[in-house]
Structure formats: structure tokens, C-alpha cells
Amino acid sequence: MGSSSVASLILQKELKNISEHAVEEFFAGLVDKDNLFQWRITIMGPPGTLYLEALFDAIMDFNSSLPTRLS
């Protein structure tokens, strides 16, 4: 199996895990449903800080050489 295929499997597993164990302060999803290598994430500012109601958006780009360990 090529490194891109292994990376795709790892990313699918991680995204599924994030979806199934969602927390209110963090969201992750695909930018484009056909590209597992680019995620849009949003992190909410934590309570008790100056960032309380702040939203931090980011795009995460993964490449096919990400760690290939499936646990």
C-alpha cells in the first residue's frame, strides 16, 4: 500500500474519531469532501480567558508522508 493510501486511511480514521467524540470547543471537517488532505478547523476560546467568545479558524494541510502508524 502506498504512503498516500496509508495517509488517507489514517486521516479518515482520525476525522471519524473527532466526529464521534465531538467537543463543543473544537470542530474539524473537510474543506472539500473529495480531499482528505485539507481540513478546516475551528477552536473556540476557552472560558475564563480573554479569548472567551473568540473563534479561531484555520486550514490544516496534510501530506502523504504523515506518520503512518495506525493504532
C-alpha atoms as a PDB file:
ATOM      1  CA  MET A   1       0.000   0.000   0.000  1.00  0.00           C
ATOM      2  CA  GLY A   2       1.450   3.399  -0.996  1.00  0.00           C
ATOM      3  CA  SER A   3       2.147   6.115   1.559  1.00  0.00           C
ATOM      4  CA  SER A   4      -0.680   8.247   0.143  1.00  0.00           C
ATOM      5  CA  SER A   5      -3.142   5.363   0.685  1.00  0.00           C
ATOM      6  CA  VAL A   6      -1.891   4.815   4.238  1.00  0.00           C
ATOM      7  CA  ALA A   7      -2.107   8.539   4.961  1.00  0.00           C
ATOM      8  CA  SER A   8      -5.677   8.604   3.611  1.00  0.00           C
ATOM      9  CA  LEU A   9      -6.679   5.734   5.898  1.00  0.00           C
ATOM     10  CA  ILE A  10      -5.129   7.458   8.905  1.00  0.00           C
ATOM     11  CA  LEU A  11      -6.865  10.748   8.132  1.00  0.00           C
ATOM     12  CA  GLN A  12     -10.227   9.015   7.618  1.00  0.00           C
ATOM     13  CA  LYS A  13      -9.828   7.271  10.970  1.00  0.00           C
ATOM     14  CA  GLU A  14      -8.843  10.483  12.765  1.00  0.00           C
ATOM     15  CA  LEU A  15     -11.677  12.534  11.260  1.00  0.00           C
ATOM     16  CA  LYS A  16     -14.193   9.829  12.171  1.00  0.00           C
ATOM     17  CA  ASN A  17     -12.824   9.727  15.728  1.00  0.00           C
ATOM     18  CA  ILE A  18     -13.115  13.514  16.041  1.00  0.00           C
ATOM     19  CA  SER A  19     -16.714  13.372  14.761  1.00  0.00           C
ATOM     20  CA  GLU A  20     -17.725  10.568  17.119  1.00  0.00           C
ATOM     21  CA  HIS A  21     -16.123  12.199  20.163  1.00  0.00           C
ATOM     22  CA  ALA A  22     -17.020  15.806  19.441  1.00  0.00           C
ATOM     23  CA  VAL A  23     -16.286  18.509  21.976  1.00  0.00           C
ATOM     24  CA  GLU A  24     -18.002  21.866  21.982  1.00  0.00           C
ATOM     25  CA  GLU A  25     -14.781  23.880  21.765  1.00  0.00           C
ATOM     26  CA  PHE A  26     -13.377  22.233  18.634  1.00  0.00           C
ATOM     27  CA  PHE A  27     -14.653  21.448  15.153  1.00  0.00           C
ATOM     28  CA  ALA A  28     -12.857  19.768  12.269  1.00  0.00           C
ATOM     29  CA  GLY A  29     -14.167  18.979   8.808  1.00  0.00           C
ATOM     30  CA  LEU A  30     -13.021  18.712   5.251  1.00  0.00           C
ATOM     31  CA  VAL A  31     -12.616  21.853   3.151  1.00  0.00           C
ATOM     32  CA  ASP A  32     -13.584  19.764   0.112  1.00  0.00           C
ATOM     33  CA  LYS A  33     -15.323  16.406   0.596  1.00  0.00           C
ATOM     34  CA  ASP A  34     -13.064  14.885  -2.074  1.00  0.00           C
ATOM     35  CA  ASN A  35      -9.785  15.913  -0.402  1.00  0.00           C
ATOM     36  CA  LEU A  36      -8.881  14.191   2.877  1.00  0.00           C
ATOM     37  CA  PHE A  37      -5.620  16.108   2.991  1.00  0.00           C
ATOM     38  CA  GLN A  38      -7.122  19.528   3.741  1.00  0.00           C
ATOM     39  CA  TRP A  39      -9.189  20.179   6.878  1.00  0.00           C
ATOM     40  CA  ARG A  40     -10.927  23.290   8.166  1.00  0.00           C
ATOM     41  CA  ILE A  41     -10.758  23.574  11.938  1.00  0.00           C
ATOM     42  CA  THR A  42     -12.362  25.960  14.403  1.00  0.00           C
ATOM     43  CA  ILE A  43     -11.305  26.321  18.011  1.00  0.00           C
ATOM     44  CA  MET A  44     -13.394  28.301  20.489  1.00  0.00           C
ATOM     45  CA  GLY A  45     -11.656  30.459  23.068  1.00  0.00           C
ATOM     46  CA  PRO A  46     -11.599  28.810  26.499  1.00  0.00           C
ATOM     47  CA  PRO A  47     -13.772  30.002  29.399  1.00  0.00           C
ATOM     48  CA  GLY A  48     -12.127  32.213  31.976  1.00  0.00           C
ATOM     49  CA  THR A  49      -9.766  33.840  29.478  1.00  0.00           C
ATOM     50  CA  LEU A  50      -9.715  36.970  27.350  1.00  0.00           C
ATOM     51  CA  TYR A  51     -10.441  34.686  24.379  1.00  0.00           C
ATOM     52  CA  LEU A  52     -13.865  33.515  25.731  1.00  0.00           C
ATOM     53  CA  GLU A  53     -16.189  34.017  22.735  1.00  0.00           C
ATOM     54  CA  ALA A  54     -13.369  34.162  20.202  1.00  0.00           C
ATOM     55  CA  LEU A  55     -13.302  31.746  17.278  1.00  0.00           C
ATOM     56  CA  PHE A  56     -10.015  30.722  15.720  1.00  0.00           C
ATOM     57  CA  ASP A  57     -10.291  29.293  12.220  1.00  0.00           C
ATOM     58  CA  ALA A  58      -7.505  27.528  10.391  1.00  0.00           C
ATOM     59  CA  ILE A  59      -6.881  25.312   7.402  1.00  0.00           C
ATOM     60  CA  MET A  60      -4.715  22.251   8.026  1.00  0.00           C
ATOM     61  CA  ASP A  61      -2.900  20.758   5.061  1.00  0.00           C
ATOM     62  CA  PHE A  62      -1.581  17.221   5.462  1.00  0.00           C
ATOM     63  CA  ASN A  63       0.765  15.477   3.068  1.00  0.00           C
ATOM     64  CA  SER A  64       1.124  11.829   2.153  1.00  0.00           C
ATOM     65  CA  SER A  65       4.239  11.432   4.294  1.00  0.00           C
ATOM     66  CA  LEU A  66       2.448  11.986   7.586  1.00  0.00           C
ATOM     67  CA  PRO A  67       3.230   9.376  10.254  1.00  0.00           C
ATOM     68  CA  THR A  68       1.963   6.018   9.060  1.00  0.00           C
ATOM     69  CA  ARG A  69       1.205   4.374  12.373  1.00  0.00           C
ATOM     70  CA  LEU A  70      -2.327   3.022  12.755  1.00  0.00           C
ATOM     71  CA  SER A  71      -3.250   2.357  16.365  1.00  0.00           C
END
